[in-house]
Protein backbone atom coordinates (compact mmCIF):
# COMPACT_ATOMS: atom_id res chain seq x y z
CA UNK A 1 -17.39 -1.89 14.85
CA UNK A 2 -15.69 0.13 12.78
CA UNK A 3 -16.93 0.56 9.25
CA UNK A 4 -15.30 -1.52 6.82
CA UNK A 5 -13.62 0.51 3.80
CA UNK A 6 -12.75 -2.63 1.85
CA UNK A 7 -14.48 -5.74 1.59
CA UNK A 8 -12.90 -8.78 -0.25
CA UNK A 9 -15.95 -11.27 -0.41
CA UNK A 10 -15.46 -14.84 -1.71
CA UNK A 11 -12.65 -14.14 -4.12
CA UNK A 12 -11.54 -16.82 -6.61
CA UNK A 13 -8.74 -16.43 -9.05
CA UNK A 14 -6.44 -19.46 -11.00
CA UNK A 15 -4.11 -18.86 -13.81
CA UNK A 16 -4.58 -22.28 -15.43
CA UNK A 17 -4.45 -25.51 -12.78
CA UNK A 18 -2.65 -22.90 -10.33
CA UNK A 19 -5.71 -21.76 -7.66
CA UNK A 20 -4.02 -18.53 -6.62
CA UNK A 21 -6.77 -17.28 -4.46
CA UNK A 22 -9.41 -19.43 -3.45
CA UNK A 23 -12.84 -18.25 -1.80
CA UNK A 24 -10.67 -15.32 0.14
CA UNK A 25 -12.62 -13.04 2.25
CA UNK A 26 -11.93 -10.52 4.69
CA UNK A 27 -12.79 -6.58 5.95
CA UNK A 28 -10.65 -4.00 6.08
CA UNK A 29 -11.63 -1.50 8.83
CA UNK A 30 -11.48 2.37 8.44
CA UNK A 31 -8.67 4.24 9.73
CA UNK A 32 -6.72 1.12 10.61
CA UNK A 33 -3.25 -0.59 9.21
CA UNK A 34 -4.13 -4.29 8.00
CA UNK A 35 -1.39 -6.47 7.16
CA UNK A 36 -1.27 -9.03 4.85
CA UNK A 37 1.11 -11.84 5.12
CA UNK A 38 2.13 -15.38 3.69
CA UNK A 39 4.86 -16.94 2.15
CA UNK A 40 6.21 -16.69 -1.35
CA UNK A 41 3.25 -18.16 -3.53
CA UNK A 42 0.78 -17.72 -0.86
CA UNK A 43 -1.25 -15.28 -3.20
CA UNK A 44 -0.86 -11.76 -1.68
CA UNK A 45 0.20 -10.30 -5.00
CA UNK A 46 -2.52 -11.94 -6.73
CA UNK A 47 -5.05 -10.84 -4.06
CA UNK A 48 -3.87 -7.41 -3.82
CA UNK A 49 -4.12 -7.34 -7.84
CA UNK A 50 -7.50 -7.97 -7.61
CA UNK A 51 -8.13 -5.32 -4.67
CA UNK A 52 -6.71 -2.60 -6.78
CA UNK A 53 -8.25 -3.68 -10.15
CA UNK A 54 -4.99 -4.68 -12.03
CA UNK A 55 -6.66 -8.10 -12.41
CA UNK A 56 -10.20 -8.93 -11.99
CA UNK A 57 -11.30 -12.19 -9.83
CA UNK A 58 -12.97 -14.86 -11.59
CA UNK A 59 -15.63 -15.13 -9.32
CA UNK A 60 -16.28 -13.28 -5.88
CA UNK A 61 -16.40 -9.28 -5.20
CA UNK A 62 -14.73 -6.42 -3.93
CA UNK A 63 -16.65 -3.45 -2.37
CA UNK A 64 -15.32 -0.08 -1.67
CA UNK A 65 -17.42 1.61 1.29
CA UNK A 66 -20.01 -0.70 0.28
CA UNK A 67 -19.87 0.02 -3.39
CA UNK A 68 -19.30 -3.21 -5.78
CA UNK A 69 -15.92 -2.03 -7.51
CA UNK A 70 -15.43 -5.73 -8.64
CA UNK A 71 -14.94 -4.84 -12.33
CA UNK A 72 -13.91 -1.27 -12.02
CA UNK A 73 -10.61 -0.08 -13.79
CA UNK A 74 -7.81 1.10 -11.92
CA UNK A 75 -7.83 4.66 -12.70
CA UNK A 76 -11.17 4.66 -11.64
CA UNK A 77 -10.77 3.10 -8.26
CA UNK A 78 -8.00 5.98 -7.82
CA UNK A 79 -10.55 8.68 -8.52
CA UNK A 80 -12.84 6.90 -5.38
CA UNK A 81 -10.05 7.56 -2.89
CA UNK A 82 -7.40 4.44 -3.36
CA UNK A 83 -3.59 4.39 -3.83
CA UNK A 84 -0.88 2.09 -4.34
CA UNK A 85 2.82 2.16 -3.59
CA UNK A 86 4.72 -0.95 -5.31
CA UNK A 87 7.61 -3.01 -3.94
CA UNK A 88 9.86 -1.44 -6.48
CA UNK A 89 10.31 2.19 -6.14
CA UNK A 90 8.67 4.34 -8.87
CA UNK A 91 10.45 7.56 -9.06
CA UNK A 92 12.01 9.82 -11.73
CA UNK A 93 15.70 9.55 -10.61
CA UNK A 94 16.84 12.55 -12.84
CA UNK A 95 14.32 14.93 -11.39
CA UNK A 96 14.47 16.45 -8.16
CA UNK A 97 12.53 15.46 -5.27
CA UNK A 98 10.66 18.31 -5.13
CA UNK A 99 9.74 17.91 -9.13
CA UNK A 100 8.87 14.30 -8.40
CA UNK A 101 6.40 15.38 -5.72
CA UNK A 102 5.28 18.19 -7.73
CA UNK A 103 4.39 15.91 -10.93
CA UNK A 104 2.22 13.83 -8.29
CA UNK A 105 0.39 16.59 -7.03
CA UNK A 106 -0.33 17.70 -10.51
CA UNK A 107 -1.47 14.43 -11.73
CA UNK A 108 -3.89 14.24 -8.88
CA UNK A 109 -5.29 17.50 -10.18
CA UNK A 110 -5.64 16.38 -13.52
CA UNK A 111 -2.83 18.26 -15.18
CA UNK A 112 -2.16 17.20 -18.78
CA UNK A 113 1.37 18.19 -18.80
CA UNK A 114 1.45 19.72 -22.08
CA UNK A 115 3.08 22.51 -20.46
CA UNK A 116 4.84 20.62 -17.40
CA UNK A 117 7.19 22.99 -16.51
CA UNK A 118 4.54 25.69 -16.30
CA UNK A 119 2.51 23.11 -14.07
CA UNK A 120 5.21 22.62 -11.60
CA UNK A 121 4.81 26.23 -10.64
CA UNK A 122 1.23 26.22 -10.65
CA UNK A 123 -0.97 27.66 -7.43
CA UNK A 124 -1.75 23.78 -6.29
CA UNK A 125 1.92 22.89 -6.32
CA UNK A 126 3.23 25.95 -4.42
CA UNK A 127 0.41 25.40 -1.86
CA UNK A 128 1.06 21.81 -1.34
CA UNK A 129 4.48 21.03 -1.86
CA UNK A 130 6.18 21.93 1.10
CA UNK A 131 3.68 20.28 3.29
CA UNK A 132 3.70 17.06 1.10
CA UNK A 133 7.34 16.91 1.52
CA UNK A 134 7.53 17.27 5.22
CA UNK A 135 4.95 14.49 5.58
CA UNK A 136 7.35 12.18 4.39
CA UNK A 137 10.25 14.01 5.76
CA UNK A 138 11.98 15.29 2.65
CA UNK A 139 11.56 18.75 3.02
CA UNK A 140 15.19 19.56 3.33
CA UNK A 141 15.69 17.13 0.07
CA UNK A 142 13.74 19.16 -2.40
CA UNK A 143 16.38 20.26 -4.55
CA UNK A 144 18.53 17.09 -4.44
CA UNK A 145 18.16 14.71 -7.54
CA UNK A 146 16.04 11.88 -6.66
CA UNK A 147 18.60 9.47 -7.88
CA UNK A 148 20.86 10.56 -5.27
CA UNK A 149 18.46 9.48 -2.26
CA UNK A 150 19.14 6.69 -0.16
CA UNK A 151 16.95 3.33 -1.11
CA UNK A 152 15.03 4.16 2.06
CA UNK A 153 14.37 7.77 1.30
CA UNK A 154 13.31 6.81 -2.53
CA UNK A 155 10.62 4.64 -0.52
CA UNK A 156 9.71 7.87 1.66
CA UNK A 157 9.29 9.62 -1.61
CA UNK A 158 7.23 7.16 -3.27
CA UNK A 159 4.90 6.76 -0.43
CA UNK A 160 4.55 10.83 -0.76
CA UNK A 161 3.43 10.56 -4.64
CA UNK A 162 0.71 8.06 -3.41
CA UNK A 163 -0.27 10.23 -0.55
CA UNK A 164 -0.45 13.52 -2.92
CA UNK A 165 -3.41 11.96 -4.19
CA UNK A 166 -5.04 12.22 -0.54
CA UNK A 167 -6.35 8.97 -0.62
CA UNK A 168 -8.46 7.32 1.88
CA UNK A 169 -6.86 3.58 1.19
CA UNK A 170 -3.29 3.25 0.71
CA UNK A 171 -1.98 -0.07 -0.45
CA UNK A 172 1.76 -0.32 0.42
CA UNK A 173 3.25 -3.37 -1.12
CA UNK A 174 6.28 -4.79 0.52
CA UNK A 175 7.64 -1.14 1.58
CA UNK A 176 10.72 -2.57 3.42
CA UNK A 177 12.02 -4.46 0.93
CA UNK A 178 15.59 -3.90 0.05
CA UNK A 179 16.17 -1.70 3.30
CA UNK A 180 18.33 -2.00 5.97
CA UNK A 181 17.49 -1.54 9.50
CA UNK A 182 18.01 1.95 9.80
CA UNK A 183 15.62 2.55 6.67
CA UNK A 184 13.27 0.03 8.20
CA UNK A 185 12.99 2.02 11.35
CA UNK A 186 12.46 5.35 9.57
CA UNK A 187 9.76 4.34 7.38
CA UNK A 188 8.39 2.48 10.38
CA UNK A 189 7.73 5.71 11.67
CA UNK A 190 6.57 7.26 8.57
CA UNK A 191 3.78 4.51 8.49
CA UNK A 192 3.11 4.81 12.00
CA UNK A 193 2.45 8.71 11.85
CA UNK A 194 0.07 8.09 9.25
CA UNK A 195 -1.80 5.37 11.12
CA UNK A 196 -5.67 6.82 11.77
CA UNK A 197 -5.31 9.46 8.99
CA UNK A 198 -6.33 7.06 6.65
CA UNK A 199 -6.54 3.33 6.09
CA UNK A 200 -3.64 1.07 5.05
CA UNK A 201 -3.34 -2.31 3.58
CA UNK A 202 0.42 -3.56 3.99
CA UNK A 203 2.18 -6.51 2.38
CA UNK A 204 4.94 -7.33 4.09
CA UNK A 205 7.35 -10.17 4.99
CA UNK A 206 8.98 -8.31 7.96
CA UNK A 207 7.41 -10.01 10.93
CA UNK A 208 8.64 -7.34 13.40
CA UNK A 209 7.08 -4.55 11.28
CA UNK A 210 4.13 -6.51 11.11
CA UNK A 211 3.20 -7.13 14.56
CA UNK A 212 4.58 -3.50 15.76
CA UNK A 213 2.39 -1.57 13.08
CA UNK A 214 -0.87 -3.64 12.25
CA UNK A 215 -4.18 -3.55 13.72
CA UNK A 216 -5.51 -6.51 12.39
CA UNK A 217 -3.77 -9.29 9.99
CA UNK A 218 -4.80 -11.38 7.12
CA UNK A 219 -2.92 -14.73 6.79
CA UNK A 220 -3.01 -16.22 3.61
CA UNK A 221 -1.69 -19.83 2.82
CA UNK A 222 -1.73 -21.67 -0.68
CA UNK A 223 -4.34 -19.27 -1.80
CA UNK A 224 -6.86 -19.40 1.44
CA UNK A 225 -7.39 -17.08 3.70
CA UNK A 226 -6.39 -19.07 7.11
CA UNK A 227 -6.61 -16.10 9.55
CA UNK A 228 -7.77 -12.79 10.13
CA UNK A 229 -7.46 -11.47 13.63
CA UNK A 230 -5.45 -9.04 15.86
CA UNK A 231 -1.46 -9.49 16.16
CA UNK A 232 -1.77 -11.13 19.42
CA UNK A 233 -4.18 -13.83 18.28
CA UNK A 234 -2.39 -14.25 15.17
CA UNK A 235 0.75 -14.63 17.25
CA UNK A 236 -0.49 -17.33 19.19
CA UNK A 237 -2.21 -18.89 16.42
CA UNK A 238 -0.66 -22.74 15.74
CA UNK A 239 -0.95 -22.85 12.13
CA UNK A 240 0.89 -19.24 11.66
CA UNK A 241 3.63 -19.98 14.27
CA UNK A 242 4.27 -23.27 12.37
CA UNK A 243 4.14 -22.05 9.06
CA UNK A 244 5.41 -18.31 9.00
CA UNK A 245 7.01 -17.49 12.25
CA UNK A 246 9.12 -20.36 12.28
CA UNK A 247 7.98 -22.01 15.54
CA UNK A 248 6.78 -25.34 15.85
CA UNK A 249 2.94 -26.00 16.94
């Protein structure tokens, strides 16, 4: 068995009378793409926020490489090797693609940006910038303003900026949101290329993407983990087929 890099153990989180996550437990294997699926209101965002430290659970634990990080702040989790790409793109549209990536590289290396223009031309940026852009297929877009990129290319840039921190575990929050078919194909190719080089927890509504990429899938329903299994088992499970894939049980 592959050693788990992330473990969620009996996570509970309530907002008043709403039980957002209820006794959620699952492991994420190192090097895998682990998908998290469920309809709106299933508790996916609340669960991910507990895993990343944006909120703390009411009870239960989160372990990263067997270390208890349940109450660890977001920035301290980042130092351990965790990074997150959000559903809404977070790029500086008036800066060039290269400048966006350079800022991400600088941030990872602890620059305080007091003299940010100088930082953008530092040795570490010069050494890493081209490869960082090439990894997400933007090496020919470096001089373009980020605001002029297509939505799909902005997604690629945001993923690249998250990768600049050289994470061991990357959270991708609905990366296909708002993309057309072409953008979905290109971003799927990028994620597939990353497979095995790091661990990815993928929150996604596009079931074609999920089943084409995931090694393992966790299914949430009203805050409960109803199944964690490989894609074929998830596809054949009657509860999942009825609730998420639009098929009768």
